[in-house]
């Protein structure tokens, strides 16, 4: 649907991936005396601008508030479990993943809900709020697949391949969401997705050390499995949650620039309807 934005003349650009004959040297040349053939390649990264009706509408704002409420409710549930566990003196280890043991299978489902203590839970709280809200707001359709996958997948991988011990905590969710949000921002040509990816890289870039077997008390196997699942799903679901973008009719056309038959001056091709359209 055409937008109300006024039309404006397109800039002079060369056709994509096409050799352009440069005019003879003259006063309009950037470098005097230079006459050669030049190839203007297609930009490697063409970031799309999300349409305002998708990012700034009341529906979009309500979607963000709903994502935040759901995430806060889940984090509050984790804190409720931890408080009850502490007050009653319960042992959370039976709910963790015990690799290659029958009793450890229960941890595949319940391990993300229990933690080794308040310090452990506190480390996961803020990342869960930020990443959970981002995931639900930017990728609501993909969330239906990603969230169950990063909940159950790391636990299953740990049960099959990890070293002995008890693996518990929600850090698998954190690493899975970090990987998905970052990889999606790198793959999608969406400025919002890229901004979220860069924010995640700045906030949690140091988390990459968590996938290495550096600290014995840290379940790096959970982190690594969750990160791999997140990246794989970012690739597989890259076409989910498409964002309407602002595009102009002259974008991507090969006749934006035409060369004068005399080879003296480039002239702009006449472009009908330069107004933006919603895709």
C-alpha atoms as a PDB file:
ATOM      1  CA  UNK A   1       0.000   0.000   0.000  1.00  0.00           C
ATOM      2  CA  UNK A   2       1.585   3.374  -0.938  1.00  0.00           C
ATOM      3  CA  UNK A   3       2.590   5.591   1.964  1.00  0.00           C
ATOM      4  CA  UNK A   4       1.893   9.284   2.359  1.00  0.00           C
ATOM      5  CA  UNK A   5       5.600  10.117   2.210  1.00  0.00           C
ATOM      6  CA  UNK A   6       6.322  12.600  -0.599  1.00  0.00           C
ATOM      7  CA  UNK A   7       8.177  11.492  -3.691  1.00  0.00           C
ATOM      8  CA  UNK A   8      11.717  12.597  -4.290  1.00  0.00           C
ATOM      9  CA  UNK A   9      14.108  12.080  -7.213  1.00  0.00           C
ATOM     10  CA  UNK A  10      16.295   8.996  -6.971  1.00  0.00           C
ATOM     11  CA  UNK A  11      20.043   9.404  -6.510  1.00  0.00           C
ATOM     12  CA  UNK A  12      22.492   8.617  -9.286  1.00  0.00           C
ATOM     13  CA  UNK A  13      23.571   5.029  -8.853  1.00  0.00           C
ATOM     14  CA  UNK A  14      25.113   2.583 -11.268  1.00  0.00           C
ATOM     15  CA  UNK A  15      23.295  -0.602 -12.303  1.00  0.00           C
ATOM     16  CA  UNK A  16      24.104  -3.508 -10.010  1.00  0.00           C
ATOM     17  CA  UNK A  17      27.082  -5.688 -10.906  1.00  0.00           C
ATOM     18  CA  UNK A  18      27.418  -3.986 -14.284  1.00  0.00           C
ATOM     19  CA  UNK A  19      30.517  -2.506 -15.906  1.00  0.00           C
ATOM     20  CA  UNK A  20      30.044   1.204 -16.492  1.00  0.00           C
ATOM     21  CA  UNK A  21      31.997   3.145 -19.094  1.00  0.00           C
ATOM     22  CA  UNK A  22      33.357   6.250 -17.418  1.00  0.00           C
ATOM     23  CA  UNK A  23      33.103   9.510 -19.414  1.00  0.00           C
ATOM     24  CA  UNK A  24      36.240  11.301 -20.601  1.00  0.00           C
ATOM     25  CA  UNK A  25      38.059  13.440 -18.091  1.00  0.00           C
ATOM     26  CA  UNK A  26      36.358  16.751 -17.490  1.00  0.00           C
ATOM     27  CA  UNK A  27      35.537  19.299 -14.799  1.00  0.00           C
ATOM     28  CA  UNK A  28      32.942  16.976 -13.263  1.00  0.00           C
ATOM     29  CA  UNK A  29      35.438  14.149 -12.748  1.00  0.00           C
ATOM     30  CA  UNK A  30      36.527  13.540  -9.177  1.00  0.00           C
ATOM     31  CA  UNK A  31      40.080  12.849 -10.329  1.00  0.00           C
ATOM     32  CA  UNK A  32      41.157  14.920 -13.318  1.00  0.00           C
ATOM     33  CA  UNK A  33      42.538  12.999 -16.246  1.00  0.00           C
ATOM     34  CA  UNK A  34      41.096   9.619 -15.061  1.00  0.00           C
ATOM     35  CA  UNK A  35      39.306   7.558 -17.726  1.00  0.00           C
ATOM     36  CA  UNK A  36      38.696   3.880 -17.042  1.00  0.00           C
ATOM     37  CA  UNK A  37      36.121   1.151 -16.638  1.00  0.00           C
ATOM     38  CA  UNK A  38      34.595   0.757 -13.168  1.00  0.00           C
ATOM     39  CA  UNK A  39      32.519  -2.024 -11.649  1.00  0.00           C
ATOM     40  CA  UNK A  40      30.036  -1.061  -8.953  1.00  0.00           C
ATOM     41  CA  UNK A  41      29.232  -4.235  -6.992  1.00  0.00           C
ATOM     42  CA  UNK A  42      25.971  -5.003  -5.278  1.00  0.00           C
ATOM     43  CA  UNK A  43      26.141  -4.047  -1.571  1.00  0.00           C
ATOM     44  CA  UNK A  44      26.859  -7.059   0.588  1.00  0.00           C
ATOM     45  CA  UNK A  45      24.441  -5.915   3.283  1.00  0.00           C
ATOM     46  CA  UNK A  46      21.227  -4.119   2.364  1.00  0.00           C
ATOM     47  CA  UNK A  47      19.446  -3.387   5.617  1.00  0.00           C
ATOM     48  CA  UNK A  48      15.714  -2.842   5.349  1.00  0.00           C
ATOM     49  CA  UNK A  49      13.833  -0.209   7.303  1.00  0.00           C
ATOM     50  CA  UNK A  50      10.783  -1.650   9.127  1.00  0.00           C
ATOM     51  CA  UNK A  51       7.554   0.138   8.292  1.00  0.00           C
ATOM     52  CA  UNK A  52       6.300   2.501  10.998  1.00  0.00           C
ATOM     53  CA  UNK A  53       2.905   0.790  11.092  1.00  0.00           C
ATOM     54  CA  UNK A  54       4.671  -2.363  12.246  1.00  0.00           C
ATOM     55  CA  UNK A  55       7.054  -0.858  14.808  1.00  0.00           C
ATOM     56  CA  UNK A  56       5.199   2.130  16.262  1.00  0.00           C
ATOM     57  CA  UNK A  57       1.550   1.136  16.132  1.00  0.00           C
ATOM     58  CA  UNK A  58      -0.522   0.584  19.302  1.00  0.00           C
ATOM     59  CA  UNK A  59      -0.578  -3.126  18.455  1.00  0.00           C
ATOM     60  CA  UNK A  60       3.233  -3.257  18.394  1.00  0.00           C
ATOM     61  CA  UNK A  61       3.461  -1.484  21.739  1.00  0.00           C
ATOM     62  CA  UNK A  62       0.917  -3.847  23.266  1.00  0.00           C
ATOM     63  CA  UNK A  63       2.904  -6.782  21.888  1.00  0.00           C
ATOM     64  CA  UNK A  64       5.991  -5.516  23.702  1.00  0.00           C
ATOM     65  CA  UNK A  65       4.121  -5.075  26.967  1.00  0.00           C
ATOM     66  CA  UNK A  66       2.673  -8.578  26.699  1.00  0.00           C
ATOM     67  CA  UNK A  67       6.126 -10.053  26.018  1.00  0.00           C
ATOM     68  CA  UNK A  68       7.504  -8.253  29.067  1.00  0.00           C
ATOM     69  CA  UNK A  69       4.643  -9.419  31.310  1.00  0.00           C
ATOM     70  CA  UNK A  70       5.002 -13.046  30.241  1.00  0.00           C
ATOM     71  CA  UNK A  71       8.764 -12.966  30.795  1.00  0.00           C
ATOM     72  CA  UNK A  72       8.449 -11.338  34.219  1.00  0.00           C
ATOM     73  CA  UNK A  73       5.827 -13.918  35.211  1.00  0.00           C
ATOM     74  CA  UNK A  74       8.190 -16.754  34.285  1.00  0.00           C
ATOM     75  CA  UNK A  75      11.114 -15.204  36.158  1.00  0.00           C
ATOM     76  CA  UNK A  76       8.833 -14.633  39.147  1.00  0.00           C
ATOM     77  CA  UNK A  77       7.936 -18.331  39.038  1.00  0.00           C
ATOM     78  CA  UNK A  78      11.625 -19.241  39.204  1.00  0.00           C
ATOM     79  CA  UNK A  79      12.095 -17.007  42.233  1.00  0.00           C
ATOM     80  CA  UNK A  80       9.021 -18.526  43.862  1.00  0.00           C
ATOM     81  CA  UNK A  81      10.468 -22.024  43.460  1.00  0.00           C
ATOM     82  CA  UNK A  82      13.781 -20.903  44.913  1.00  0.00           C
ATOM     83  CA  UNK A  83      12.171 -19.210  47.926  1.00  0.00           C
ATOM     84  CA  UNK A  84      10.070 -22.281  48.705  1.00  0.00           C
ATOM     85  CA  UNK A  85      13.111 -24.503  48.239  1.00  0.00           C
ATOM     86  CA  UNK A  86      15.102 -22.403  50.713  1.00  0.00           C
ATOM     87  CA  UNK A  87      12.354 -22.019  53.313  1.00  0.00           C
ATOM     88  CA  UNK A  88      11.564 -25.727  53.355  1.00  0.00           C
ATOM     89  CA  UNK A  89      15.165 -26.832  53.106  1.00  0.00           C
ATOM     90  CA  UNK A  90      14.487 -28.894  49.991  1.00  0.00           C
ATOM     91  CA  UNK A  91      17.150 -30.410  47.781  1.00  0.00           C
ATOM     92  CA  UNK A  92      16.926 -29.336  44.153  1.00  0.00           C
ATOM     93  CA  UNK A  93      19.368 -31.926  42.833  1.00  0.00           C
ATOM     94  CA  UNK A  94      16.706 -34.621  42.185  1.00  0.00           C
ATOM     95  CA  UNK A  95      15.235 -32.267  39.573  1.00  0.00           C
ATOM     96  CA  UNK A  96      18.516 -31.808  37.730  1.00  0.00           C
ATOM     97  CA  UNK A  97      19.824 -33.746  34.755  1.00  0.00           C
ATOM     98  CA  UNK A  98      21.934 -36.787  35.682  1.00  0.00           C
ATOM     99  CA  UNK A  99      23.675 -37.993  32.504  1.00  0.00           C
ATOM    100  CA  UNK A 100      22.841 -41.519  31.382  1.00  0.00           C
ATOM    101  CA  UNK A 101      20.760 -42.402  34.441  1.00  0.00           C
ATOM    102  CA  UNK A 102      17.071 -43.221  34.499  1.00  0.00           C
ATOM    103  CA  UNK A 103      16.369 -40.939  37.455  1.00  0.00           C
ATOM    104  CA  UNK A 104      18.144 -38.131  35.625  1.00  0.00           C
ATOM    105  CA  UNK A 105      15.607 -38.099  32.803  1.00  0.00           C
ATOM    106  CA  UNK A 106      13.241 -35.995  34.902  1.00  0.00           C
ATOM    107  CA  UNK A 107      15.786 -33.192  34.765  1.00  0.00           C
ATOM    108  CA  UNK A 108      15.274 -32.760  31.024  1.00  0.00           C
ATOM    109  CA  UNK A 109      11.899 -31.248  31.852  1.00  0.00           C
ATOM    110  CA  UNK A 110      12.476 -29.664  35.265  1.00  0.00           C
ATOM    111  CA  UNK A 111      16.158 -28.645  35.394  1.00  0.00           C
ATOM    112  CA  UNK A 112      15.540 -25.090  34.018  1.00  0.00           C
ATOM    113  CA  UNK A 113      13.149 -24.434  36.918  1.00  0.00           C
ATOM    114  CA  UNK A 114      15.583 -25.070  39.789  1.00  0.00           C
ATOM    115  CA  UNK A 115      18.891 -23.492  40.764  1.00  0.00           C
ATOM    116  CA  UNK A 116      21.753 -24.179  43.120  1.00  0.00           C
ATOM    117  CA  UNK A 117      20.995 -21.044  45.153  1.00  0.00           C
ATOM    118  CA  UNK A 118      19.964 -17.412  45.022  1.00  0.00           C
ATOM    119  CA  UNK A 119      23.299 -16.343  43.558  1.00  0.00           C
ATOM    120  CA  UNK A 120      22.880 -18.806  40.706  1.00  0.00           C
ATOM    121  CA  UNK A 121      19.331 -17.602  40.063  1.00  0.00           C
ATOM    122  CA  UNK A 122      20.346 -13.944  40.268  1.00  0.00           C
ATOM    123  CA  UNK A 123      22.922 -14.474  37.521  1.00  0.00           C
ATOM    124  CA  UNK A 124      20.201 -15.734  35.191  1.00  0.00           C
ATOM    125  CA  UNK A 125      17.429 -13.284  36.131  1.00  0.00           C
ATOM    126  CA  UNK A 126      18.309 -10.144  34.167  1.00  0.00           C
ATOM    127  CA  UNK A 127      19.427 -12.037  31.023  1.00  0.00           C
ATOM    128  CA  UNK A 128      16.160 -13.981  31.054  1.00  0.00           C
ATOM    129  CA  UNK A 129      14.111 -10.783  31.311  1.00  0.00           C
ATOM    130  CA  UNK A 130      15.968  -9.035  28.476  1.00  0.00           C
ATOM    131  CA  UNK A 131      16.307 -12.009  26.154  1.00  0.00           C
ATOM    132  CA  UNK A 132      12.860 -13.437  26.827  1.00  0.00           C
ATOM    133  CA  UNK A 133      11.159 -10.108  26.124  1.00  0.00           C
ATOM    134  CA  UNK A 134      13.228  -9.616  22.970  1.00  0.00           C
ATOM    135  CA  UNK A 135      12.442 -13.091  21.713  1.00  0.00           C
ATOM    136  CA  UNK A 136       8.701 -12.905  22.310  1.00  0.00           C
ATOM    137  CA  UNK A 137       8.403  -9.390  20.900  1.00  0.00           C
ATOM    138  CA  UNK A 138      10.556  -9.674  17.762  1.00  0.00           C
ATOM    139  CA  UNK A 139       9.973 -13.340  16.921  1.00  0.00           C
ATOM    140  CA  UNK A 140       6.520 -14.394  18.199  1.00  0.00           C
ATOM    141  CA  UNK A 141       6.035 -17.092  15.558  1.00  0.00           C
ATOM    142  CA  UNK A 142       9.513 -18.567  15.927  1.00  0.00           C
ATOM    143  CA  UNK A 143       9.161 -18.513  19.726  1.00  0.00           C
ATOM    144  CA  UNK A 144       6.706 -21.402  19.502  1.00  0.00           C
ATOM    145  CA  UNK A 145       9.551 -23.577  18.244  1.00  0.00           C
ATOM    146  CA  UNK A 146      12.628 -21.951  19.752  1.00  0.00           C
ATOM    147  CA  UNK A 147      11.518 -21.837  23.387  1.00  0.00           C
ATOM    148  CA  UNK A 148      10.579 -25.543  23.662  1.00  0.00           C
ATOM    149  CA  UNK A 149      13.744 -26.464  21.758  1.00  0.00           C
ATOM    150  CA  UNK A 150      16.120 -24.535  24.030  1.00  0.00           C
ATOM    151  CA  UNK A 151      14.202 -25.831  27.074  1.00  0.00           C
ATOM    152  CA  UNK A 152      14.323 -29.539  26.254  1.00  0.00           C
ATOM    153  CA  UNK A 153      17.172 -29.846  23.736  1.00  0.00           C
ATOM    154  CA  UNK A 154      20.118 -28.945  25.994  1.00  0.00           C
ATOM    155  CA  UNK A 155      18.863 -31.254  28.750  1.00  0.00           C
ATOM    156  CA  UNK A 156      18.616 -34.149  26.319  1.00  0.00           C
ATOM    157  CA  UNK A 157      22.100 -33.455  24.951  1.00  0.00           C
ATOM    158  CA  UNK A 158      23.512 -33.267  28.481  1.00  0.00           C
ATOM    159  CA  UNK A 159      21.831 -36.532  29.455  1.00  0.00           C
ATOM    160  CA  UNK A 160      23.356 -38.257  26.432  1.00  0.00           C
ATOM    161  CA  UNK A 161      26.860 -36.800  26.262  1.00  0.00           C
ATOM    162  CA  UNK A 162      27.816 -34.745  29.343  1.00  0.00           C
ATOM    163  CA  UNK A 163      30.124 -35.690  32.192  1.00  0.00           C
ATOM    164  CA  UNK A 164      28.691 -37.053  35.425  1.00  0.00           C
ATOM    165  CA  UNK A 165      27.107 -34.894  38.085  1.00  0.00           C
ATOM    166  CA  UNK A 166      23.897 -32.907  38.396  1.00  0.00           C
ATOM    167  CA  UNK A 167      23.191 -30.221  35.812  1.00  0.00           C
ATOM    168  CA  UNK A 168      20.501 -27.678  36.698  1.00  0.00           C
ATOM    169  CA  UNK A 169      19.527 -24.065  36.135  1.00  0.00           C
ATOM    170  CA  UNK A 170      18.041 -21.853  33.419  1.00  0.00           C
ATOM    171  CA  UNK A 171      21.348 -20.918  31.820  1.00  0.00           C
ATOM    172  CA  UNK A 172      20.531 -23.211  28.899  1.00  0.00           C
ATOM    173  CA  UNK A 173      17.614 -20.911  28.094  1.00  0.00           C
ATOM    174  CA  UNK A 174      19.899 -17.896  28.326  1.00  0.00           C
ATOM    175  CA  UNK A 175      22.512 -19.322  25.962  1.00  0.00           C
ATOM    176  CA  UNK A 176      19.930 -20.585  23.509  1.00  0.00           C
ATOM    177  CA  UNK A 177      18.258 -17.168  23.315  1.00  0.00           C
ATOM    178  CA  UNK A 178      21.574 -15.337  23.042  1.00  0.00           C
ATOM    179  CA  UNK A 179      22.537 -17.534  20.108  1.00  0.00           C
ATOM    180  CA  UNK A 180      19.173 -17.225  18.372  1.00  0.00           C
ATOM    181  CA  UNK A 181      18.819 -13.443  18.732  1.00  0.00           C
ATOM    182  CA  UNK A 182      22.412 -12.798  17.670  1.00  0.00           C
ATOM    183  CA  UNK A 183      22.399 -15.198  14.715  1.00  0.00           C
ATOM    184  CA  UNK A 184      18.998 -13.969  13.530  1.00  0.00           C
ATOM    185  CA  UNK A 185      20.228 -10.386  13.516  1.00  0.00           C
ATOM    186  CA  UNK A 186      23.199 -11.384  11.385  1.00  0.00           C
ATOM    187  CA  UNK A 187      21.069 -13.365   8.929  1.00  0.00           C
ATOM    188  CA  UNK A 188      17.983 -11.189   8.511  1.00  0.00           C
ATOM    189  CA  UNK A 189      18.133  -7.881   6.632  1.00  0.00           C
ATOM    190  CA  UNK A 190      16.087  -6.196   9.340  1.00  0.00           C
ATOM    191  CA  UNK A 191      17.413  -3.208  11.247  1.00  0.00           C
ATOM    192  CA  UNK A 192      15.500  -4.090  14.412  1.00  0.00           C
ATOM    193  CA  UNK A 193      16.897  -7.626  14.393  1.00  0.00           C
ATOM    194  CA  UNK A 194      20.396  -6.301  13.791  1.00  0.00           C
ATOM    195  CA  UNK A 195      20.050  -3.766  16.608  1.00  0.00           C
ATOM    196  CA  UNK A 196      18.938  -6.522  18.977  1.00  0.00           C
ATOM    197  CA  UNK A 197      21.873  -8.695  17.877  1.00  0.00           C
ATOM    198  CA  UNK A 198      24.377  -5.911  18.511  1.00  0.00           C
ATOM    199  CA  UNK A 199      22.840  -5.174  21.918  1.00  0.00           C
ATOM    200  CA  UNK A 200      23.122  -8.856  22.854  1.00  0.00           C
ATOM    201  CA  UNK A 201      26.735  -8.915  21.664  1.00  0.00           C
ATOM    202  CA  UNK A 202      27.596  -5.890  23.824  1.00  0.00           C
ATOM    203  CA  UNK A 203      25.745  -7.129  26.909  1.00  0.00           C
ATOM    204  CA  UNK A 204      26.572 -10.829  26.799  1.00  0.00           C
ATOM    205  CA  UNK A 205      29.541 -11.184  24.472  1.00  0.00           C
ATOM    206  CA  UNK A 206      31.644 -12.507  27.338  1.00  0.00           C
ATOM    207  CA  UNK A 207      29.225 -15.421  27.677  1.00  0.00           C
ATOM    208  CA  UNK A 208      31.152 -17.147  24.898  1.00  0.00           C
ATOM    209  CA  UNK A 209      33.607 -18.342  27.557  1.00  0.00           C
ATOM    210  CA  UNK A 210      30.768 -20.306  29.142  1.00  0.00           C
ATOM    211  CA  UNK A 211      30.753 -22.821  26.292  1.00  0.00           C
ATOM    212  CA  UNK A 212      34.339 -23.847  27.044  1.00  0.00           C
ATOM    213  CA  UNK A 213      35.384 -26.361  29.731  1.00  0.00           C
ATOM    214  CA  UNK A 214      37.131 -23.766  31.874  1.00  0.00           C
ATOM    215  CA  UNK A 215      35.295 -23.913  35.208  1.00  0.00           C
ATOM    216  CA  UNK A 216      34.564 -27.319  36.630  1.00  0.00           C
ATOM    217  CA  UNK A 217      31.429 -26.215  38.487  1.00  0.00           C
ATOM    218  CA  UNK A 218      29.864 -24.721  35.332  1.00  0.00           C
ATOM    219  CA  UNK A 219      27.786 -26.897  33.008  1.00  0.00           C
ATOM    220  CA  UNK A 220      29.499 -25.807  29.805  1.00  0.00           C
ATOM    221  CA  UNK A 221      27.872 -28.778  28.069  1.00  0.00           C
ATOM    222  CA  UNK A 222      24.441 -27.215  28.644  1.00  0.00           C
ATOM    223  CA  UNK A 223      25.649 -23.854  27.369  1.00  0.00           C
ATOM    224  CA  UNK A 224      27.262 -25.311  24.254  1.00  0.00           C
ATOM    225  CA  UNK A 225      24.265 -27.479  23.349  1.00  0.00           C
ATOM    226  CA  UNK A 226      21.862 -24.563  23.810  1.00  0.00           C
ATOM    227  CA  UNK A 227      24.022 -22.229  21.704  1.00  0.00           C
ATOM    228  CA  UNK A 228      24.214 -24.755  18.859  1.00  0.00           C
ATOM    229  CA  UNK A 229      20.439 -25.244  18.952  1.00  0.00           C
ATOM    230  CA  UNK A 230      19.913 -21.478  18.878  1.00  0.00           C
ATOM    231  CA  UNK A 231      22.137 -20.958  15.837  1.00  0.00           C
ATOM    232  CA  UNK A 232      20.630 -23.888  13.925  1.00  0.00           C
ATOM    233  CA  UNK A 233      17.093 -22.632  14.573  1.00  0.00           C
ATOM    234  CA  UNK A 234      18.037 -19.090  13.568  1.00  0.00           C
ATOM    235  CA  UNK A 235      19.066 -20.453  10.177  1.00  0.00           C
ATOM    236  CA  UNK A 236      16.106 -22.807   9.835  1.00  0.00           C
ATOM    237  CA  UNK A 237      13.513 -20.204  10.879  1.00  0.00           C
ATOM    238  CA  UNK A 238      15.030 -17.210   9.114  1.00  0.00           C
ATOM    239  CA  UNK A 239      11.855 -16.687   7.068  1.00  0.00           C
ATOM    240  CA  UNK A 240       9.540 -16.701  10.090  1.00  0.00           C
ATOM    241  CA  UNK A 241       8.224 -13.404  11.469  1.00  0.00           C
ATOM    242  CA  UNK A 242       8.744 -11.316   8.312  1.00  0.00           C
ATOM    243  CA  UNK A 243       8.785  -7.572   8.901  1.00  0.00           C
ATOM    244  CA  UNK A 244       6.983  -5.144   6.543  1.00  0.00           C
ATOM    245  CA  UNK A 245       9.598  -2.750   5.185  1.00  0.00           C
ATOM    246  CA  UNK A 246       9.650   0.564   3.363  1.00  0.00           C
ATOM    247  CA  UNK A 247      10.827   0.186  -0.218  1.00  0.00           C
ATOM    248  CA  UNK A 248      10.763   2.535  -3.189  1.00  0.00           C
ATOM    249  CA  UNK A 249       9.757   1.548  -6.676  1.00  0.00           C
ATOM    250  CA  UNK A 250      13.110   2.629  -8.081  1.00  0.00           C
ATOM    251  CA  UNK A 251      15.084   0.375  -5.716  1.00  0.00           C
ATOM    252  CA  UNK A 252      16.745  -2.570  -7.397  1.00  0.00           C
ATOM    253  CA  UNK A 253      15.993  -1.392 -10.945  1.00  0.00           C
ATOM    254  CA  UNK A 254      18.717  -1.618 -13.574  1.00  0.00           C
ATOM    255  CA  UNK A 255      17.662   1.564 -15.340  1.00  0.00           C
ATOM    256  CA  UNK A 256      18.264   4.023 -12.537  1.00  0.00           C
ATOM    257  CA  UNK A 257      21.291   5.241 -14.495  1.00  0.00           C
ATOM    258  CA  UNK A 258      21.404   5.491 -18.241  1.00  0.00           C
ATOM    259  CA  UNK A 259      24.461   6.412 -20.255  1.00  0.00           C
ATOM    260  CA  UNK A 260      24.140   9.050 -22.915  1.00  0.00           C
ATOM    261  CA  UNK A 261      24.670   7.509 -26.365  1.00  0.00           C
ATOM    262  CA  UNK A 262      27.532   9.960 -26.903  1.00  0.00           C
ATOM    263  CA  UNK A 263      29.236   8.664 -23.776  1.00  0.00           C
ATOM    264  CA  UNK A 264      29.627  12.167 -22.399  1.00  0.00           C
ATOM    265  CA  UNK A 265      27.323  12.436 -19.431  1.00  0.00           C
ATOM    266  CA  UNK A 266      25.207   9.982 -17.424  1.00  0.00           C
ATOM    267  CA  UNK A 267      21.590  10.976 -17.157  1.00  0.00           C
ATOM    268  CA  UNK A 268      18.984   9.809 -14.667  1.00  0.00           C
ATOM    269  CA  UNK A 269      16.325   7.557 -16.082  1.00  0.00           C
ATOM    270  CA  UNK A 270      12.788   8.696 -15.648  1.00  0.00           C
ATOM    271  CA  UNK A 271      11.356   6.773 -12.759  1.00  0.00           C
ATOM    272  CA  UNK A 272       7.573   6.625 -12.443  1.00  0.00           C
ATOM    273  CA  UNK A 273       6.148   6.760  -8.938  1.00  0.00           C
ATOM    274  CA  UNK A 274       9.052   7.101  -6.532  1.00  0.00           C
ATOM    275  CA  UNK A 275       6.841   6.839  -3.472  1.00  0.00           C
ATOM    276  CA  UNK A 276       7.502   4.161  -0.831  1.00  0.00           C
ATOM    277  CA  UNK A 277       5.545   0.929  -0.836  1.00  0.00           C
ATOM    278  CA  UNK A 278       4.911  -1.583   1.919  1.00  0.00           C
ATOM    279  CA  UNK A 279       6.315  -5.110   1.368  1.00  0.00           C
END
